[in-house]
N, C-alpha and C. Protein backbone atom coordinates (compact mmCIF):
# COMPACT_ATOMS: atom_id res chain seq x y z
N GLY A 1 55.94 -20.89 -69.54
CA GLY A 1 56.95 -21.14 -68.52
C GLY A 1 56.44 -22.05 -67.41
N ASN A 2 57.16 -22.06 -66.30
CA ASN A 2 56.78 -22.90 -65.18
C ASN A 2 55.44 -22.52 -64.62
N LYS A 3 55.14 -21.22 -64.59
CA LYS A 3 53.88 -20.76 -64.02
C LYS A 3 52.72 -21.37 -64.81
N HIS A 4 52.84 -21.35 -66.12
CA HIS A 4 51.77 -21.89 -66.97
C HIS A 4 51.55 -23.37 -66.68
N LEU A 5 52.66 -24.08 -66.50
CA LEU A 5 52.59 -25.52 -66.22
C LEU A 5 51.89 -25.77 -64.89
N ALA A 6 52.26 -24.98 -63.91
CA ALA A 6 51.66 -25.11 -62.57
C ALA A 6 50.15 -24.91 -62.64
N ILE A 7 49.74 -23.88 -63.37
CA ILE A 7 48.30 -23.60 -63.51
C ILE A 7 47.62 -24.77 -64.19
N LYS A 8 48.25 -25.35 -65.22
CA LYS A 8 47.67 -26.47 -65.92
C LYS A 8 47.48 -27.65 -64.98
N LEU A 9 48.52 -27.91 -64.15
CA LEU A 9 48.45 -29.04 -63.22
C LEU A 9 47.32 -28.79 -62.19
N MET A 10 47.24 -27.55 -61.71
CA MET A 10 46.20 -27.24 -60.73
C MET A 10 44.81 -27.46 -61.30
N ASN A 11 44.62 -27.01 -62.54
CA ASN A 11 43.32 -27.18 -63.20
C ASN A 11 43.00 -28.65 -63.35
N LYS A 12 44.00 -29.45 -63.73
CA LYS A 12 43.80 -30.88 -63.91
C LYS A 12 43.43 -31.53 -62.59
N ALA A 13 44.12 -31.15 -61.52
CA ALA A 13 43.83 -31.72 -60.21
C ALA A 13 42.42 -31.32 -59.76
N ARG A 14 42.05 -30.07 -60.04
CA ARG A 14 40.74 -29.59 -59.64
C ARG A 14 39.65 -30.37 -60.37
N ARG A 15 39.89 -30.65 -61.66
CA ARG A 15 38.92 -31.39 -62.45
C ARG A 15 38.74 -32.80 -61.88
N LYS A 16 39.86 -33.41 -61.49
CA LYS A 16 39.80 -34.75 -60.89
C LYS A 16 38.94 -34.74 -59.65
N GLN A 17 39.13 -33.71 -58.83
CA GLN A 17 38.35 -33.62 -57.58
C GLN A 17 36.86 -33.48 -57.88
N GLU A 18 36.55 -32.74 -58.94
CA GLU A 18 35.14 -32.54 -59.28
C GLU A 18 34.51 -33.82 -59.77
N GLU A 19 35.30 -34.67 -60.43
CA GLU A 19 34.76 -35.92 -60.97
C GLU A 19 34.28 -36.83 -59.86
N LYS A 20 35.06 -36.95 -58.80
CA LYS A 20 34.63 -37.79 -57.67
C LYS A 20 34.45 -36.90 -56.43
N PRO A 21 33.20 -36.58 -56.12
CA PRO A 21 32.94 -35.65 -55.01
C PRO A 21 32.96 -36.35 -53.65
N VAL A 22 33.73 -37.39 -53.53
CA VAL A 22 33.80 -38.10 -52.24
C VAL A 22 34.67 -37.27 -51.30
N THR A 23 34.04 -36.80 -50.22
CA THR A 23 34.79 -35.99 -49.27
C THR A 23 35.54 -36.91 -48.32
N PRO A 24 36.78 -36.61 -48.06
CA PRO A 24 37.55 -37.40 -47.07
C PRO A 24 36.94 -37.22 -45.69
N PRO A 25 37.00 -38.21 -44.85
CA PRO A 25 36.42 -38.10 -43.51
C PRO A 25 37.09 -36.98 -42.72
N ALA A 26 36.30 -36.21 -42.02
CA ALA A 26 36.87 -35.10 -41.26
C ALA A 26 37.79 -35.65 -40.18
N PRO A 27 38.91 -34.99 -39.94
CA PRO A 27 39.85 -35.45 -38.92
C PRO A 27 39.19 -35.34 -37.54
N THR A 28 39.44 -36.32 -36.70
CA THR A 28 38.88 -36.29 -35.35
C THR A 28 39.65 -35.26 -34.53
N ALA A 29 39.13 -34.93 -33.36
CA ALA A 29 39.79 -33.95 -32.49
C ALA A 29 41.18 -34.44 -32.12
N GLU A 30 41.30 -35.75 -31.92
CA GLU A 30 42.60 -36.33 -31.56
C GLU A 30 43.61 -36.16 -32.70
N GLU A 31 43.15 -36.41 -33.92
CA GLU A 31 44.04 -36.27 -35.07
C GLU A 31 44.52 -34.83 -35.21
N LYS A 32 43.58 -33.89 -35.02
CA LYS A 32 43.95 -32.49 -35.11
C LYS A 32 45.01 -32.14 -34.08
N LEU A 33 44.81 -32.64 -32.86
CA LEU A 33 45.75 -32.36 -31.78
C LEU A 33 47.13 -32.94 -32.11
N LEU A 34 47.14 -34.18 -32.59
CA LEU A 34 48.41 -34.80 -32.93
C LEU A 34 49.12 -34.04 -34.02
N THR A 35 48.36 -33.53 -35.01
CA THR A 35 48.96 -32.78 -36.09
C THR A 35 49.57 -31.51 -35.57
N GLU A 36 48.84 -30.84 -34.66
CA GLU A 36 49.36 -29.58 -34.09
C GLU A 36 50.64 -29.84 -33.32
N ILE A 37 50.64 -30.91 -32.52
CA ILE A 37 51.84 -31.24 -31.74
C ILE A 37 53.01 -31.51 -32.66
N ARG A 38 52.76 -32.28 -33.70
CA ARG A 38 53.84 -32.60 -34.64
C ARG A 38 54.41 -31.33 -35.28
N ASP A 39 53.49 -30.41 -35.67
CA ASP A 39 53.94 -29.18 -36.29
C ASP A 39 54.79 -28.36 -35.32
N LEU A 40 54.33 -28.28 -34.06
CA LEU A 40 55.08 -27.51 -33.06
C LEU A 40 56.47 -28.13 -32.86
N LEU A 41 56.53 -29.45 -32.79
CA LEU A 41 57.83 -30.10 -32.56
C LEU A 41 58.75 -29.85 -33.73
N SER A 42 58.22 -29.92 -34.94
CA SER A 42 59.07 -29.73 -36.13
C SER A 42 59.57 -28.31 -36.20
N GLN A 43 58.79 -27.36 -35.67
CA GLN A 43 59.21 -25.96 -35.66
C GLN A 43 60.33 -25.75 -34.66
N GLN A 44 60.30 -26.48 -33.55
CA GLN A 44 61.28 -26.29 -32.48
C GLN A 44 62.64 -26.92 -32.82
N GLN A 45 62.60 -27.99 -33.66
CA GLN A 45 63.84 -28.66 -33.97
C GLN A 45 64.76 -27.76 -34.79
N PRO A 46 66.03 -27.66 -34.39
CA PRO A 46 66.97 -26.84 -35.15
C PRO A 46 67.22 -27.45 -36.55
N LYS A 47 67.21 -26.59 -37.55
CA LYS A 47 67.41 -27.09 -38.92
C LYS A 47 68.89 -27.44 -39.08
N LEU A 48 69.12 -28.67 -39.50
CA LEU A 48 70.51 -29.11 -39.66
C LEU A 48 71.04 -28.81 -41.07
């Protein structure tokens, strides 16, 4: 079923990550702050 497919996709994605162990650059403090602000704003907006 769908669950099996999801697990397969997750395993495939995990394998891809293991192939190239390049870690993405850690977000700067400013980026973290901007992300938090964006999340807060999106929470406050009424769902249309």
